[in-house]
Amino acid sequence: MDPRTLPNVAVLAKALADPYHADQHFLFVGHADLRGSAAYNMVLSKHRADSMSDTVTVMEPSLRGPIERTGKGSLEPTDIGSDEEALRANRLLQVLLR
């Protein structure tokens, strides 16, 4: 995570910790760009989900239990381009309600 991302992470943590979501579980799905091998990208994307989960639970300890984590590697790109903007767009995290 870079300094540009942290304010967004704080907003995410606060939103997920809202009492409205008290009985919900979340799935954090990490993604990677197309660089690197499939195996490397799978590990990297799982690490992205783990890192984000760890960060939001530090910000909002009530989220410790209800977050599952997984990675998709580079299997589901959101941008099929190869420039830096496309690569950055594919390094993302999805948050799904379970």
PDB file of N, CA and C in Angstrom:
ATOM      1  N   MET A   1       0.839  -1.179   0.000  1.00  0.00           N
ATOM      2  CA  MET A   1       0.000   0.000   0.000  1.00  0.00           C
ATOM      3  C   MET A   1       0.880   1.236   0.000  1.00  0.00           C
ATOM      4  N   ASP A   2       0.460   2.206  -0.758  1.00  0.00           N
ATOM      5  CA  ASP A   2       1.223   3.446  -0.795  1.00  0.00           C
ATOM      6  C   ASP A   2       0.434   4.547  -0.087  1.00  0.00           C
ATOM      7  N   PRO A   3       1.056   5.678   0.170  1.00  0.00           N
ATOM      8  CA  PRO A   3       0.376   6.760   0.898  1.00  0.00           C
ATOM      9  C   PRO A   3      -0.914   7.239   0.226  1.00  0.00           C
ATOM     10  N   ARG A   4      -1.018   7.085  -1.092  1.00  0.00           N
ATOM     11  CA  ARG A   4      -2.259   7.486  -1.774  1.00  0.00           C
ATOM     12  C   ARG A   4      -3.410   6.558  -1.434  1.00  0.00           C
ATOM     13  N   THR A   5      -3.085   5.326  -1.078  1.00  0.00           N
ATOM     14  CA  THR A   5      -4.103   4.314  -0.818  1.00  0.00           C
ATOM     15  C   THR A   5      -4.651   4.355   0.606  1.00  0.00           C
ATOM     16  N   LEU A   6      -3.833   4.725   1.563  1.00  0.00           N
ATOM     17  CA  LEU A   6      -4.238   4.648   2.972  1.00  0.00           C
ATOM     18  C   LEU A   6      -5.518   5.404   3.319  1.00  0.00           C
ATOM     19  N   PRO A   7      -5.754   6.626   2.796  1.00  0.00           N
ATOM     20  CA  PRO A   7      -7.031   7.270   3.111  1.00  0.00           C
ATOM     21  C   PRO A   7      -8.238   6.459   2.628  1.00  0.00           C
ATOM     22  N   ASN A   8      -8.107   5.812   1.480  1.00  0.00           N
ATOM     23  CA  ASN A   8      -9.202   4.971   0.980  1.00  0.00           C
ATOM     24  C   ASN A   8      -9.399   3.746   1.856  1.00  0.00           C
ATOM     25  N   VAL A   9      -8.307   3.204   2.356  1.00  0.00           N
ATOM     26  CA  VAL A   9      -8.390   2.039   3.240  1.00  0.00           C
ATOM     27  C   VAL A   9      -9.100   2.418   4.538  1.00  0.00           C
ATOM     28  N   ALA A  10      -8.822   3.600   5.045  1.00  0.00           N
ATOM     29  CA  ALA A  10      -9.490   4.070   6.263  1.00  0.00           C
ATOM     30  C   ALA A  10     -10.995   4.204   6.037  1.00  0.00           C
ATOM     31  N   VAL A  11     -11.386   4.704   4.885  1.00  0.00           N
ATOM     32  CA  VAL A  11     -12.816   4.815   4.553  1.00  0.00           C
ATOM     33  C   VAL A  11     -13.439   3.421   4.470  1.00  0.00           C
ATOM     34  N   LEU A  12     -12.733   2.494   3.830  1.00  0.00           N
ATOM     35  CA  LEU A  12     -13.227   1.117   3.725  1.00  0.00           C
ATOM     36  C   LEU A  12     -13.406   0.499   5.107  1.00  0.00           C
ATOM     37  N   ALA A  13     -12.398   0.624   5.953  1.00  0.00           N
ATOM     38  CA  ALA A  13     -12.463   0.043   7.297  1.00  0.00           C
ATOM     39  C   ALA A  13     -13.660   0.593   8.070  1.00  0.00           C
ATOM     40  N   LYS A  14     -13.834   1.890   8.015  1.00  0.00           N
ATOM     41  CA  LYS A  14     -14.952   2.516   8.733  1.00  0.00           C
ATOM     42  C   LYS A  14     -16.293   2.029   8.184  1.00  0.00           C
ATOM     43  N   ALA A  15     -16.396   1.926   6.863  1.00  0.00           N
ATOM     44  CA  ALA A  15     -17.653   1.472   6.255  1.00  0.00           C
ATOM     45  C   ALA A  15     -17.965   0.029   6.634  1.00  0.00           C
ATOM     46  N   LEU A  16     -16.972  -0.836   6.608  1.00  0.00           N
ATOM     47  CA  LEU A  16     -17.211  -2.238   6.950  1.00  0.00           C
ATOM     48  C   LEU A  16     -17.533  -2.428   8.424  1.00  0.00           C
ATOM     49  N   ALA A  17     -17.010  -1.563   9.274  1.00  0.00           N
ATOM     50  CA  ALA A  17     -17.260  -1.652  10.717  1.00  0.00           C
ATOM     51  C   ALA A  17     -18.583  -1.012  11.125  1.00  0.00           C
ATOM     52  N   ASP A  18     -19.264  -0.388  10.191  1.00  0.00           N
ATOM     53  CA  ASP A  18     -20.554   0.239  10.492  1.00  0.00           C
ATOM     54  C   ASP A  18     -21.508  -0.810  11.076  1.00  0.00           C
ATOM     55  N   PRO A  19     -22.268  -0.463  12.098  1.00  0.00           N
ATOM     56  CA  PRO A  19     -23.210  -1.415  12.693  1.00  0.00           C
ATOM     57  C   PRO A  19     -24.190  -2.040  11.687  1.00  0.00           C
ATOM     58  N   TYR A  20     -24.437  -1.372  10.589  1.00  0.00           N
ATOM     59  CA  TYR A  20     -25.301  -1.923   9.537  1.00  0.00           C
ATOM     60  C   TYR A  20     -24.777  -3.274   9.050  1.00  0.00           C
ATOM     61  N   HIS A  21     -23.465  -3.462   9.083  1.00  0.00           N
ATOM     62  CA  HIS A  21     -22.835  -4.697   8.606  1.00  0.00           C
ATOM     63  C   HIS A  21     -22.490  -5.668   9.747  1.00  0.00           C
ATOM     64  N   ALA A  22     -23.069  -5.458  10.903  1.00  0.00           N
ATOM     65  CA  ALA A  22     -22.679  -6.212  12.100  1.00  0.00           C
ATOM     66  C   ALA A  22     -22.763  -7.726  11.924  1.00  0.00           C
ATOM     67  N   ASP A  23     -23.730  -8.226  11.202  1.00  0.00           N
ATOM     68  CA  ASP A  23     -23.896  -9.674  11.059  1.00  0.00           C
ATOM     69  C   ASP A  23     -23.339 -10.212   9.745  1.00  0.00           C
ATOM     70  N   GLN A  24     -22.595  -9.407   9.024  1.00  0.00           N
ATOM     71  CA  GLN A  24     -22.101  -9.836   7.724  1.00  0.00           C
ATOM     72  C   GLN A  24     -20.636 -10.250   7.794  1.00  0.00           C
ATOM     73  N   HIS A  25     -20.287 -11.133   6.876  1.00  0.00           N
ATOM     74  CA  HIS A  25     -18.901 -11.535   6.689  1.00  0.00           C
ATOM     75  C   HIS A  25     -18.449 -10.983   5.346  1.00  0.00           C
ATOM     76  N   PHE A  26     -17.154 -10.807   5.208  1.00  0.00           N
ATOM     77  CA  PHE A  26     -16.603 -10.208   4.006  1.00  0.00           C
ATOM     78  C   PHE A  26     -15.558 -11.131   3.402  1.00  0.00           C
ATOM     79  N   LEU A  27     -15.444 -11.073   2.092  1.00  0.00           N
ATOM     80  CA  LEU A  27     -14.402 -11.785   1.369  1.00  0.00           C
ATOM     81  C   LEU A  27     -13.547 -10.747   0.668  1.00  0.00           C
ATOM     82  N   PHE A  28     -12.267 -10.714   0.998  1.00  0.00           N
ATOM     83  CA  PHE A  28     -11.312  -9.838   0.335  1.00  0.00           C
ATOM     84  C   PHE A  28     -10.645 -10.664  -0.769  1.00  0.00           C
ATOM     85  N   VAL A  29     -10.766 -10.189  -1.999  1.00  0.00           N
ATOM     86  CA  VAL A  29     -10.214 -10.887  -3.166  1.00  0.00           C
ATOM     87  C   VAL A  29      -9.119 -10.016  -3.767  1.00  0.00           C
ATOM     88  N   GLY A  30      -7.882 -10.476  -3.663  1.00  0.00           N
ATOM     89  CA  GLY A  30      -6.763  -9.742  -4.235  1.00  0.00           C
ATOM     90  C   GLY A  30      -6.560 -10.099  -5.693  1.00  0.00           C
ATOM     91  N   HIS A  31      -6.067  -9.147  -6.462  1.00  0.00           N
ATOM     92  CA  HIS A  31      -5.770  -9.344  -7.883  1.00  0.00           C
ATOM     93  C   HIS A  31      -4.373  -8.805  -8.169  1.00  0.00           C
ATOM     94  N   ALA A  32      -3.777  -9.293  -9.240  1.00  0.00           N
ATOM     95  CA  ALA A  32      -2.438  -8.858  -9.652  1.00  0.00           C
ATOM     96  C   ALA A  32      -2.465  -8.459 -11.118  1.00  0.00           C
ATOM     97  N   ASP A  33      -1.461  -7.685 -11.526  1.00  0.00           N
ATOM     98  CA  ASP A  33      -1.376  -7.344 -12.943  1.00  0.00           C
ATOM     99  C   ASP A  33      -0.771  -8.519 -13.720  1.00  0.00           C
ATOM    100  N   LEU A  34      -0.605  -8.358 -15.015  1.00  0.00           N
ATOM    101  CA  LEU A  34      -0.197  -9.453 -15.888  1.00  0.00           C
ATOM    102  C   LEU A  34       1.296  -9.770 -15.851  1.00  0.00           C
ATOM    103  N   ARG A  35       2.080  -8.956 -15.175  1.00  0.00           N
ATOM    104  CA  ARG A  35       3.514  -9.247 -15.101  1.00  0.00           C
ATOM    105  C   ARG A  35       3.754 -10.388 -14.131  1.00  0.00           C
ATOM    106  N   GLY A  36       4.751 -11.185 -14.378  1.00  0.00           N
ATOM    107  CA  GLY A  36       5.082 -12.302 -13.498  1.00  0.00           C
ATOM    108  C   GLY A  36       4.391 -13.580 -13.924  1.00  0.00           C
ATOM    109  N   SER A  37       4.843 -14.681 -13.343  1.00  0.00           N
ATOM    110  CA  SER A  37       4.248 -15.985 -13.663  1.00  0.00           C
ATOM    111  C   SER A  37       2.884 -16.123 -12.994  1.00  0.00           C
ATOM    112  N   ALA A  38       2.122 -17.088 -13.461  1.00  0.00           N
ATOM    113  CA  ALA A  38       0.798 -17.332 -12.873  1.00  0.00           C
ATOM    114  C   ALA A  38       0.928 -17.686 -11.390  1.00  0.00           C
ATOM    115  N   ALA A  39       1.905 -18.512 -11.054  1.00  0.00           N
ATOM    116  CA  ALA A  39       2.098 -18.918  -9.653  1.00  0.00           C
ATOM    117  C   ALA A  39       2.484 -17.723  -8.786  1.00  0.00           C
ATOM    118  N   TYR A  40       3.400 -16.903  -9.272  1.00  0.00           N
ATOM    119  CA  TYR A  40       3.825 -15.723  -8.525  1.00  0.00           C
ATOM    120  C   TYR A  40       2.648 -14.766  -8.320  1.00  0.00           C
ATOM    121  N   ASN A  41       1.877 -14.524  -9.370  1.00  0.00           N
ATOM    122  CA  ASN A  41       0.746 -13.604  -9.273  1.00  0.00           C
ATOM    123  C   ASN A  41      -0.333 -14.118  -8.316  1.00  0.00           C
ATOM    124  N   MET A  42      -0.484 -15.439  -8.236  1.00  0.00           N
ATOM    125  CA  MET A  42      -1.466 -15.995  -7.297  1.00  0.00           C
ATOM    126  C   MET A  42      -1.027 -15.703  -5.863  1.00  0.00           C
ATOM    127  N   VAL A  43       0.247 -15.923  -5.577  1.00  0.00           N
ATOM    128  CA  VAL A  43       0.770 -15.642  -4.237  1.00  0.00           C
ATOM    129  C   VAL A  43       0.671 -14.146  -3.936  1.00  0.00           C
ATOM    130  N   LEU A  44       1.050 -13.327  -4.903  1.00  0.00           N
ATOM    131  CA  LEU A  44       1.013 -11.877  -4.723  1.00  0.00           C
ATOM    132  C   LEU A  44      -0.407 -11.380  -4.458  1.00  0.00           C
ATOM    133  N   SER A  45      -1.367 -11.891  -5.193  1.00  0.00           N
ATOM    134  CA  SER A  45      -2.749 -11.434  -5.003  1.00  0.00           C
ATOM    135  C   SER A  45      -3.297 -11.867  -3.650  1.00  0.00           C
ATOM    136  N   LYS A  46      -2.931 -13.055  -3.193  1.00  0.00           N
ATOM    137  CA  LYS A  46      -3.345 -13.499  -1.856  1.00  0.00           C
ATOM    138  C   LYS A  46      -2.692 -12.623  -0.792  1.00  0.00           C
ATOM    139  N   HIS A  47      -1.436 -12.275  -1.015  1.00  0.00           N
ATOM    140  CA  HIS A  47      -0.743 -11.377  -0.092  1.00  0.00           C
ATOM    141  C   HIS A  47      -1.443 -10.017  -0.050  1.00  0.00           C
ATOM    142  N   ARG A  48      -1.917  -9.538  -1.185  1.00  0.00           N
ATOM    143  CA  ARG A  48      -2.639  -8.261  -1.238  1.00  0.00           C
ATOM    144  C   ARG A  48      -3.899  -8.337  -0.372  1.00  0.00           C
ATOM    145  N   ALA A  49      -4.646  -9.417  -0.476  1.00  0.00           N
ATOM    146  CA  ALA A  49      -5.850  -9.588   0.346  1.00  0.00           C
ATOM    147  C   ALA A  49      -5.492  -9.686   1.829  1.00  0.00           C
ATOM    148  N   ASP A  50      -4.437 -10.435   2.146  1.00  0.00           N
ATOM    149  CA  ASP A  50      -4.001 -10.573   3.539  1.00  0.00           C
ATOM    150  C   ASP A  50      -3.572  -9.226   4.119  1.00  0.00           C
ATOM    151  N   SER A  51      -2.790  -8.499   3.351  1.00  0.00           N
ATOM    152  CA  SER A  51      -2.289  -7.205   3.815  1.00  0.00           C
ATOM    153  C   SER A  51      -3.428  -6.217   4.061  1.00  0.00           C
ATOM    154  N   MET A  52      -4.376  -6.187   3.154  1.00  0.00           N
ATOM    155  CA  MET A  52      -5.505  -5.266   3.320  1.00  0.00           C
ATOM    156  C   MET A  52      -6.344  -5.674   4.524  1.00  0.00           C
ATOM    157  N   SER A  53      -6.569  -6.960   4.700  1.00  0.00           N
ATOM    158  CA  SER A  53      -7.325  -7.428   5.848  1.00  0.00           C
ATOM    159  C   SER A  53      -6.616  -7.062   7.151  1.00  0.00           C
ATOM    160  N   ASP A  54      -5.314  -7.283   7.194  1.00  0.00           N
ATOM    161  CA  ASP A  54      -4.542  -6.930   8.392  1.00  0.00           C
ATOM    162  C   ASP A  54      -4.638  -5.441   8.686  1.00  0.00           C
ATOM    163  N   THR A  55      -4.561  -4.632   7.654  1.00  0.00           N
ATOM    164  CA  THR A  55      -4.595  -3.179   7.835  1.00  0.00           C
ATOM    165  C   THR A  55      -5.956  -2.713   8.337  1.00  0.00           C
ATOM    166  N   VAL A  56      -7.048  -3.199   7.738  1.00  0.00           N
ATOM    167  CA  VAL A  56      -8.364  -2.738   8.191  1.00  0.00           C
ATOM    168  C   VAL A  56      -8.684  -3.236   9.596  1.00  0.00           C
ATOM    169  N   THR A  57      -8.165  -4.404   9.976  1.00  0.00           N
ATOM    170  CA  THR A  57      -8.442  -4.877  11.332  1.00  0.00           C
ATOM    171  C   THR A  57      -7.625  -4.116  12.375  1.00  0.00           C
ATOM    172  N   VAL A  58      -6.495  -3.570  11.993  1.00  0.00           N
ATOM    173  CA  VAL A  58      -5.778  -2.674  12.906  1.00  0.00           C
ATOM    174  C   VAL A  58      -6.575  -1.385  13.077  1.00  0.00           C
ATOM    175  N   MET A  59      -7.121  -0.882  11.988  1.00  0.00           N
ATOM    176  CA  MET A  59      -7.909   0.351  12.044  1.00  0.00           C
ATOM    177  C   MET A  59      -9.246   0.153  12.756  1.00  0.00           C
ATOM    178  N   GLU A  60      -9.854  -0.999  12.557  1.00  0.00           N
ATOM    179  CA  GLU A  60     -11.169  -1.322  13.131  1.00  0.00           C
ATOM    180  C   GLU A  60     -11.108  -2.747  13.696  1.00  0.00           C
ATOM    181  N   PRO A  61     -10.688  -2.913  14.946  1.00  0.00           N
ATOM    182  CA  PRO A  61     -10.524  -4.255  15.521  1.00  0.00           C
ATOM    183  C   PRO A  61     -11.785  -5.117  15.488  1.00  0.00           C
ATOM    184  N   SER A  62     -12.945  -4.527  15.414  1.00  0.00           N
ATOM    185  CA  SER A  62     -14.181  -5.316  15.356  1.00  0.00           C
ATOM    186  C   SER A  62     -14.258  -6.168  14.087  1.00  0.00           C
ATOM    187  N   LEU A  63     -13.411  -5.900  13.103  1.00  0.00           N
ATOM    188  CA  LEU A  63     -13.437  -6.651  11.848  1.00  0.00           C
ATOM    189  C   LEU A  63     -12.576  -7.913  11.886  1.00  0.00           C
ATOM    190  N   ARG A  64     -11.949  -8.213  13.005  1.00  0.00           N
ATOM    191  CA  ARG A  64     -11.031  -9.349  13.074  1.00  0.00           C
ATOM    192  C   ARG A  64     -11.627 -10.664  12.615  1.00  0.00           C
ATOM    193  N   GLY A  65     -12.825 -10.968  12.973  1.00  0.00           N
ATOM    194  CA  GLY A  65     -13.389 -12.271  12.658  1.00  0.00           C
ATOM    195  C   GLY A  65     -14.034 -12.414  11.296  1.00  0.00           C
ATOM    196  N   PRO A  66     -14.743 -11.410  10.816  1.00  0.00           N
ATOM    197  CA  PRO A  66     -15.597 -11.647   9.656  1.00  0.00           C
ATOM    198  C   PRO A  66     -14.954 -11.474   8.270  1.00  0.00           C
ATOM    199  N   ILE A  67     -13.616 -11.552   8.158  1.00  0.00           N
ATOM    200  CA  ILE A  67     -12.987 -11.352   6.851  1.00  0.00           C
ATOM    201  C   ILE A  67     -12.289 -12.629   6.394  1.00  0.00           C
ATOM    202  N   GLU A  68     -12.736 -13.152   5.253  1.00  0.00           N
ATOM    203  CA  GLU A  68     -12.034 -14.237   4.575  1.00  0.00           C
ATOM    204  C   GLU A  68     -11.146 -13.601   3.511  1.00  0.00           C
ATOM    205  N   ARG A  69     -10.120 -14.323   3.086  1.00  0.00           N
ATOM    206  CA  ARG A  69      -9.158 -13.758   2.134  1.00  0.00           C
ATOM    207  C   ARG A  69      -8.836 -14.785   1.058  1.00  0.00           C
ATOM    208  N   THR A  70      -8.702 -14.302  -0.169  1.00  0.00           N
ATOM    209  CA  THR A  70      -8.290 -15.175  -1.270  1.00  0.00           C
ATOM    210  C   THR A  70      -7.606 -14.332  -2.342  1.00  0.00           C
ATOM    211  N   GLY A  71      -6.982 -14.994  -3.275  1.00  0.00           N
ATOM    212  CA  GLY A  71      -6.343 -14.303  -4.384  1.00  0.00           C
ATOM    213  C   GLY A  71      -6.773 -14.911  -5.702  1.00  0.00           C
ATOM    214  N   LYS A  72      -6.830 -14.084  -6.735  1.00  0.00           N
ATOM    215  CA  LYS A  72      -7.198 -14.536  -8.080  1.00  0.00           C
ATOM    216  C   LYS A  72      -6.034 -14.431  -9.056  1.00  0.00           C
ATOM    217  N   GLY A  73      -4.875 -13.979  -8.575  1.00  0.00           N
ATOM    218  CA  GLY A  73      -3.749 -13.799  -9.480  1.00  0.00           C
ATOM    219  C   GLY A  73      -4.073 -12.760 -10.534  1.00  0.00           C
ATOM    220  N   SER A  74      -3.695 -13.056 -11.767  1.00  0.00           N
ATOM    221  CA  SER A  74      -3.980 -12.140 -12.877  1.00  0.00           C
ATOM    222  C   SER A  74      -5.062 -12.706 -13.784  1.00  0.00           C
ATOM    223  N   LEU A  75      -5.900 -13.590 -13.247  1.00  0.00           N
ATOM    224  CA  LEU A  75      -6.909 -14.290 -14.042  1.00  0.00           C
ATOM    225  C   LEU A  75      -8.076 -13.409 -14.490  1.00  0.00           C
ATOM    226  N   GLU A  76      -8.367 -12.352 -13.765  1.00  0.00           N
ATOM    227  CA  GLU A  76      -9.539 -11.525 -14.066  1.00  0.00           C
ATOM    228  C   GLU A  76      -9.154 -10.050 -14.169  1.00  0.00           C
ATOM    229  N   PRO A  77      -8.389  -9.675 -15.211  1.00  0.00           N
ATOM    230  CA  PRO A  77      -7.977  -8.272 -15.328  1.00  0.00           C
ATOM    231  C   PRO A  77      -9.169  -7.351 -15.580  1.00  0.00           C
ATOM    232  N   THR A  78      -9.097  -6.168 -14.998  1.00  0.00           N
ATOM    233  CA  THR A  78     -10.146  -5.173 -15.253  1.00  0.00           C
ATOM    234  C   THR A  78      -9.796  -4.307 -16.449  1.00  0.00           C
ATOM    235  N   ASP A  79      -8.525  -4.305 -16.822  1.00  0.00           N
ATOM    236  CA  ASP A  79      -8.047  -3.518 -17.965  1.00  0.00           C
ATOM    237  C   ASP A  79      -7.079  -4.392 -18.744  1.00  0.00           C
ATOM    238  N   ILE A  80      -7.356  -4.641 -20.014  1.00  0.00           N
ATOM    239  CA  ILE A  80      -6.513  -5.543 -20.800  1.00  0.00           C
ATOM    240  C   ILE A  80      -5.303  -4.846 -21.419  1.00  0.00           C
ATOM    241  N   GLY A  81      -5.141  -3.563 -21.155  1.00  0.00           N
ATOM    242  CA  GLY A  81      -3.998  -2.830 -21.670  1.00  0.00           C
ATOM    243  C   GLY A  81      -2.706  -3.262 -21.002  1.00  0.00           C
ATOM    244  N   SER A  82      -1.589  -2.716 -21.499  1.00  0.00           N
ATOM    245  CA  SER A  82      -0.291  -3.088 -20.938  1.00  0.00           C
ATOM    246  C   SER A  82       0.510  -1.875 -20.460  1.00  0.00           C
ATOM    247  N   ASP A  83      -0.087  -0.678 -20.532  1.00  0.00           N
ATOM    248  CA  ASP A  83       0.629   0.497 -20.034  1.00  0.00           C
ATOM    249  C   ASP A  83       0.523   0.549 -18.505  1.00  0.00           C
ATOM    250  N   GLU A  84       1.264   1.462 -17.898  1.00  0.00           N
ATOM    251  CA  GLU A  84       1.312   1.530 -16.431  1.00  0.00           C
ATOM    252  C   GLU A  84      -0.071   1.766 -15.821  1.00  0.00           C
ATOM    253  N   GLU A  85      -0.893   2.553 -16.472  1.00  0.00           N
ATOM    254  CA  GLU A  85      -2.251   2.808 -15.962  1.00  0.00           C
ATOM    255  C   GLU A  85      -3.061   1.513 -15.914  1.00  0.00           C
ATOM    256  N   ALA A  86      -2.965   0.702 -16.963  1.00  0.00           N
ATOM    257  CA  ALA A  86      -3.690  -0.574 -16.997  1.00  0.00           C
ATOM    258  C   ALA A  86      -3.142  -1.534 -15.946  1.00  0.00           C
ATOM    259  N   LEU A  87      -1.814  -1.587 -15.826  1.00  0.00           N
ATOM    260  CA  LEU A  87      -1.221  -2.476 -14.831  1.00  0.00           C
ATOM    261  C   LEU A  87      -1.661  -2.088 -13.423  1.00  0.00           C
ATOM    262  N   ARG A  88      -1.680  -0.792 -13.138  1.00  0.00           N
ATOM    263  CA  ARG A  88      -2.115  -0.322 -11.812  1.00  0.00           C
ATOM    264  C   ARG A  88      -3.587  -0.665 -11.573  1.00  0.00           C
ATOM    265  N   ALA A  89      -4.405  -0.518 -12.603  1.00  0.00           N
ATOM    266  CA  ALA A  89      -5.831  -0.824 -12.464  1.00  0.00           C
ATOM    267  C   ALA A  89      -6.058  -2.290 -12.106  1.00  0.00           C
ATOM    268  N   ASN A  90      -5.160  -3.160 -12.544  1.00  0.00           N
ATOM    269  CA  ASN A  90      -5.324  -4.595 -12.284  1.00  0.00           C
ATOM    270  C   ASN A  90      -4.762  -5.043 -10.940  1.00  0.00           C
ATOM    271  N   ARG A  91      -4.045  -4.184 -10.264  1.00  0.00           N
ATOM    272  CA  ARG A  91      -3.545  -4.477  -8.908  1.00  0.00           C
ATOM    273  C   ARG A  91      -4.593  -3.950  -7.939  1.00  0.00           C
ATOM    274  N   LEU A  92      -5.598  -4.745  -7.683  1.00  0.00           N
ATOM    275  CA  LEU A  92      -6.726  -4.250  -6.907  1.00  0.00           C
ATOM    276  C   LEU A  92      -7.209  -5.272  -5.898  1.00  0.00           C
ATOM    277  N   LEU A  93      -8.128  -4.820  -5.096  1.00  0.00           N
ATOM    278  CA  LEU A  93      -8.766  -5.668  -4.107  1.00  0.00           C
ATOM    279  C   LEU A  93     -10.278  -5.500  -4.241  1.00  0.00           C
ATOM    280  N   GLN A  94     -10.976  -6.589  -4.313  1.00  0.00           N
ATOM    281  CA  GLN A  94     -12.443  -6.576  -4.286  1.00  0.00           C
ATOM    282  C   GLN A  94     -12.885  -6.920  -2.866  1.00  0.00           C
ATOM    283  N   VAL A  95     -13.954  -6.299  -2.432  1.00  0.00           N
ATOM    284  CA  VAL A  95     -14.558  -6.638  -1.150  1.00  0.00           C
ATOM    285  C   VAL A  95     -15.979  -7.118  -1.437  1.00  0.00           C
ATOM    286  N   LEU A  96     -16.231  -8.352  -1.096  1.00  0.00           N
ATOM    287  CA  LEU A  96     -17.539  -8.960  -1.345  1.00  0.00           C
ATOM    288  C   LEU A  96     -18.226  -9.244  -0.019  1.00  0.00           C
ATOM    289  N   LEU A  97     -19.522  -9.021   0.033  1.00  0.00           N
ATOM    290  CA  LEU A  97     -20.321  -9.357   1.214  1.00  0.00           C
ATOM    291  C   LEU A  97     -20.707 -10.806   1.122  1.00  0.00           C
ATOM    292  N   ARG A  98     -20.625 -11.501   2.243  1.00  0.00           N
ATOM    293  CA  ARG A  98     -20.963 -12.935   2.243  1.00  0.00           C
ATOM    294  C   ARG A  98     -22.179 -13.181   3.097  1.00  0.00           C
TER     295      ARG A  98
END
